[in-house]
């Protein structure tokens, strides 16, 4: 199977900790990045973070977000028109390990 990128968008550091947990179970994870929406970020700050992250991706990328209709989901969905990637909601540990 060809390698691909995974980008995780979550409220707070949930995504980063989920990646740490997945590494404990599955070992090293390659091509995984997190865009954490922190309380001090404005909508524009988060949009810029997502844009900067997605700009660096080459090849197929899939985005996993925590909550349908939340800011990470909305921002990644808007940016998907520019960078052409799918956005899946309901991120959880088994989903990440499976990918």
Protein backbone atom coordinates (compact mmCIF):
# COMPACT_ATOMS: atom_id res chain seq x y z
CA UNK A 1 0.00 0.00 0.00
CA UNK A 2 1.22 3.46 -0.86
CA UNK A 3 2.11 5.74 2.02
CA UNK A 4 -0.18 8.66 2.74
CA UNK A 5 -0.44 11.56 5.15
CA UNK A 6 -2.75 11.81 8.14
CA UNK A 7 -3.56 15.20 9.61
CA UNK A 8 -5.50 15.36 12.85
CA UNK A 9 -7.56 18.39 13.88
CA UNK A 10 -8.94 18.54 17.41
CA UNK A 11 -10.05 20.80 20.21
CA UNK A 12 -7.15 21.17 22.62
CA UNK A 13 -4.36 18.63 22.66
CA UNK A 14 -6.66 15.64 22.26
CA UNK A 15 -5.14 14.74 18.89
CA UNK A 16 -1.57 14.92 20.13
CA UNK A 17 -2.35 12.65 23.07
CA UNK A 18 -4.25 10.25 20.83
CA UNK A 19 -1.16 9.97 18.61
CA UNK A 20 0.98 9.31 21.71
CA UNK A 21 -1.42 6.55 22.78
CA UNK A 22 -1.44 5.03 19.29
CA UNK A 23 2.37 4.96 19.32
CA UNK A 24 2.30 3.02 22.60
CA UNK A 25 0.13 0.37 20.95
CA UNK A 26 1.22 0.33 17.30
CA UNK A 27 4.76 1.70 17.41
CA UNK A 28 6.08 4.52 15.25
CA UNK A 29 3.55 6.45 13.17
CA UNK A 30 4.84 8.08 10.02
CA UNK A 31 3.40 11.07 8.20
CA UNK A 32 1.03 12.06 11.02
CA UNK A 33 0.59 15.72 11.99
CA UNK A 34 -1.73 17.43 14.45
CA UNK A 35 -3.37 20.83 14.29
CA UNK A 36 -4.57 21.52 17.81
CA UNK A 37 -7.13 24.29 18.33
CA UNK A 38 -6.00 25.94 21.55
CA UNK A 39 -8.13 28.33 23.64
CA UNK A 40 -5.94 31.32 22.78
CA UNK A 41 -6.39 30.84 19.00
CA UNK A 42 -8.84 32.90 17.02
CA UNK A 43 -10.65 31.35 14.06
CA UNK A 44 -8.16 33.13 11.79
CA UNK A 45 -5.17 31.82 13.77
CA UNK A 46 -6.42 28.28 13.39
CA UNK A 47 -7.17 28.76 9.70
CA UNK A 48 -3.58 29.94 9.20
CA UNK A 49 -2.17 26.94 11.10
CA UNK A 50 -4.21 24.53 8.99
CA UNK A 51 -3.22 26.29 5.76
CA UNK A 52 0.48 26.17 6.68
CA UNK A 53 0.24 22.48 7.58
CA UNK A 54 -1.66 21.44 4.47
CA UNK A 55 0.63 23.44 2.19
CA UNK A 56 3.52 21.12 3.13
CA UNK A 57 1.72 17.87 2.27
CA UNK A 58 2.58 15.92 -0.86
CA UNK A 59 0.54 12.98 -2.07
CA UNK A 60 -2.72 11.68 -0.67
CA UNK A 61 -3.75 13.16 2.66
CA UNK A 62 -6.65 12.24 4.90
CA UNK A 63 -7.88 14.51 7.70
CA UNK A 64 -9.39 13.18 10.92
CA UNK A 65 -11.30 15.57 13.18
CA UNK A 66 -12.90 15.09 16.56
CA UNK A 67 -16.36 16.63 16.28
CA UNK A 68 -18.67 17.23 13.33
CA UNK A 69 -19.55 20.92 13.11
CA UNK A 70 -16.78 22.04 15.47
CA UNK A 71 -14.18 24.61 14.48
CA UNK A 72 -11.52 22.05 13.43
CA UNK A 73 -14.08 20.27 11.23
CA UNK A 74 -15.32 23.52 9.72
CA UNK A 75 -11.84 24.89 9.01
CA UNK A 76 -10.56 21.65 7.48
CA UNK A 77 -13.72 21.32 5.40
CA UNK A 78 -13.29 24.84 4.00
CA UNK A 79 -9.60 24.20 3.29
CA UNK A 80 -10.40 20.87 1.59
CA UNK A 81 -11.63 22.86 -1.40
CA UNK A 82 -8.13 24.29 -1.79
CA UNK A 83 -6.09 21.17 -1.02
CA UNK A 84 -8.52 18.39 -2.08
CA UNK A 85 -8.57 15.88 0.77
CA UNK A 86 -11.31 13.96 2.60
CA UNK A 87 -12.35 14.94 6.13
CA UNK A 88 -13.58 12.23 8.50
CA UNK A 89 -15.24 13.09 11.80
CA UNK A 90 -15.45 11.12 15.02
CA UNK A 91 -11.73 10.57 15.46
CA UNK A 92 -10.93 7.78 17.90
CA UNK A 93 -8.01 5.54 18.81
CA UNK A 94 -9.09 2.43 16.84
CA UNK A 95 -9.64 4.58 13.72
CA UNK A 96 -6.15 6.07 13.97
CA UNK A 97 -4.47 2.70 14.58
CA UNK A 98 -6.36 1.13 11.68
CA UNK A 99 -5.15 3.81 9.30
